[in-house]
Protein backbone atom coordinates (compact mmCIF):
# COMPACT_ATOMS: atom_id res chain seq x y z
CA UNK A 1 -7.08 -11.21 -1.42
CA UNK A 2 -4.55 -9.19 0.54
CA UNK A 3 -5.92 -6.10 -1.18
CA UNK A 4 -9.44 -6.97 -0.01
CA UNK A 5 -8.29 -7.51 3.58
CA UNK A 6 -6.38 -4.20 3.52
CA UNK A 7 -9.43 -2.34 2.15
CA UNK A 8 -11.74 -3.83 4.74
CA UNK A 9 -9.23 -3.10 7.52
CA UNK A 10 -8.83 0.55 6.41
CA UNK A 11 -12.63 0.97 6.17
CA UNK A 12 -13.16 -0.64 9.57
CA UNK A 13 -10.39 1.41 11.20
CA UNK A 14 -11.72 4.61 9.65
CA UNK A 15 -15.22 3.90 10.94
CA UNK A 16 -13.94 3.04 14.41
CA UNK A 17 -11.94 6.30 14.53
CA UNK A 18 -15.02 8.25 13.36
CA UNK A 19 -17.17 6.42 15.91
CA UNK A 20 -14.65 7.12 18.68
CA UNK A 21 -14.66 10.83 17.87
CA UNK A 22 -18.45 10.78 17.76
CA UNK A 23 -18.60 8.95 21.12
CA UNK A 24 -16.39 11.55 22.84
CA UNK A 25 -18.63 14.33 21.55
CA UNK A 26 -21.85 12.42 22.30
CA UNK A 27 -20.76 11.67 25.85
CA UNK A 28 -20.14 15.36 26.48
CA UNK A 29 -23.43 16.43 24.95
CA UNK A 30 -25.96 13.75 26.00
CA UNK A 31 -24.12 11.22 28.15
CA UNK A 32 -24.02 7.42 27.92
CA UNK A 33 -27.22 7.16 25.83
CA UNK A 34 -25.39 9.16 23.16
CA UNK A 35 -22.44 6.73 23.24
CA UNK A 36 -24.88 3.86 22.90
CA UNK A 37 -26.46 5.56 19.90
CA UNK A 38 -23.02 6.04 18.34
CA UNK A 39 -22.30 2.33 18.78
CA UNK A 40 -25.52 1.43 17.03
CA UNK A 41 -24.87 3.88 14.22
CA UNK A 42 -21.34 2.61 13.56
CA UNK A 43 -22.57 -1.01 13.46
CA UNK A 44 -25.37 -0.04 11.06
CA UNK A 45 -22.83 1.57 8.75
CA UNK A 46 -20.12 -1.05 8.95
CA UNK A 47 -22.10 -4.03 7.71
CA UNK A 48 -23.24 -2.65 4.31
CA UNK A 49 -19.82 -1.07 3.84
CA UNK A 50 -18.12 -4.45 4.22
CA UNK A 51 -20.55 -5.99 1.74
CA UNK A 52 -20.02 -3.22 -0.81
CA UNK A 53 -16.21 -3.37 -0.56
CA UNK A 54 -16.31 -7.14 -0.93
CA UNK A 55 -18.60 -6.83 -4.01
CA UNK A 56 -16.28 -4.18 -5.43
CA UNK A 57 -13.39 -6.55 -5.16
CA UNK A 58 -15.34 -9.33 -6.87
CA UNK A 59 -16.39 -6.96 -9.72
CA UNK A 60 -12.98 -5.33 -10.12
CA UNK A 61 -11.86 -7.47 -13.07
CA UNK A 62 -14.80 -6.24 -15.19
CA UNK A 63 -14.40 -2.59 -14.05
CA UNK A 64 -17.88 -2.09 -12.65
CA UNK A 65 -16.68 -0.02 -9.70
CA UNK A 66 -19.02 2.88 -10.37
CA UNK A 67 -22.04 0.55 -10.43
CA UNK A 68 -20.88 -1.12 -7.24
CA UNK A 69 -20.74 2.27 -5.52
CA UNK A 70 -24.27 3.08 -6.79
CA UNK A 71 -25.76 -0.24 -5.71
CA UNK A 72 -23.76 -0.10 -2.41
CA UNK A 73 -25.28 3.31 -1.67
CA UNK A 74 -28.76 1.90 -2.20
CA UNK A 75 -28.02 -1.14 -0.04
CA UNK A 76 -26.54 1.10 2.68
CA UNK A 77 -29.57 3.40 2.61
CA UNK A 78 -32.02 0.51 2.91
CA UNK A 79 -30.04 -1.21 5.64
CA UNK A 80 -29.56 1.94 7.67
CA UNK A 81 -33.20 3.00 7.32
CA UNK A 82 -34.45 -0.43 8.43
CA UNK A 83 -31.93 -0.41 11.27
CA UNK A 84 -32.97 3.09 12.36
CA UNK A 85 -36.65 2.08 12.44
CA UNK A 86 -35.85 -1.11 14.36
CA UNK A 87 -33.69 0.61 16.95
CA UNK A 88 -36.21 3.43 17.33
CA UNK A 89 -38.91 0.82 18.02
CA UNK A 90 -36.78 -1.10 20.49
CA UNK A 91 -35.23 1.91 22.19
CA UNK A 92 -37.64 4.84 21.91
CA UNK A 93 -35.59 6.80 24.49
CA UNK A 94 -32.80 7.21 21.93
CA UNK A 95 -34.04 10.31 20.18
CA UNK A 96 -32.47 12.66 17.60
CA UNK A 97 -29.60 13.85 19.79
CA UNK A 98 -28.85 10.44 21.20
CA UNK A 99 -28.96 8.40 18.02
CA UNK A 100 -30.12 9.93 14.75
CA UNK A 101 -27.62 12.75 14.50
CA UNK A 102 -24.73 10.30 15.02
CA UNK A 103 -26.26 7.93 12.43
CA UNK A 104 -26.28 10.75 9.86
CA UNK A 105 -22.62 11.63 10.54
CA UNK A 106 -21.57 7.97 10.50
CA UNK A 107 -23.57 7.35 7.31
CA UNK A 108 -21.78 10.17 5.47
CA UNK A 109 -18.36 9.13 6.79
CA UNK A 110 -18.90 5.49 5.81
CA UNK A 111 -20.19 6.45 2.39
CA UNK A 112 -17.02 8.53 1.75
CA UNK A 113 -14.70 5.80 3.03
CA UNK A 114 -16.56 3.04 1.14
CA UNK A 115 -16.51 4.93 -2.13
CA UNK A 116 -12.78 5.64 -1.71
CA UNK A 117 -12.06 1.95 -1.00
CA UNK A 118 -14.10 0.72 -4.00
CA UNK A 119 -12.68 3.22 -6.48
CA UNK A 120 -9.07 2.94 -5.27
CA UNK A 121 -7.07 1.03 -7.87
CA UNK A 122 -5.65 -2.29 -6.67
CA UNK A 123 -1.90 -2.99 -6.93
CA UNK A 124 -2.60 -5.41 -9.82
CA UNK A 125 -4.48 -2.66 -11.71
CA UNK A 126 -1.69 -0.14 -11.12
CA UNK A 127 0.94 -2.61 -12.39
CA UNK A 128 -1.00 -3.17 -15.61
CA UNK A 129 -0.84 0.51 -16.46
């Protein structure tokens, strides 16, 4: 389980760093509404990433990592799209520059980090080889 905690921590830290960089850029471009949009986008990308990394750890012993990444991508896409529609309905003042562009960047960053975390061999797998 230490491996799972480490993977989740690295993923979360990576997303927070990405979100922090996005927030700095967003605050310079569009102000506080951009920072709010970045916060929503990071949250929308963190939740499905955590679920996918957890599922990848559960499926690791049967080596289904590639399928976990595929299903995780579909879950992420559905979760993010539903979240985007919900936030756009609740906060219509968060437009493309304030929210959507940061969601796209966060989505791609989280997808890369998540895939790396799921496909990274665990210490137990490395010892077996």
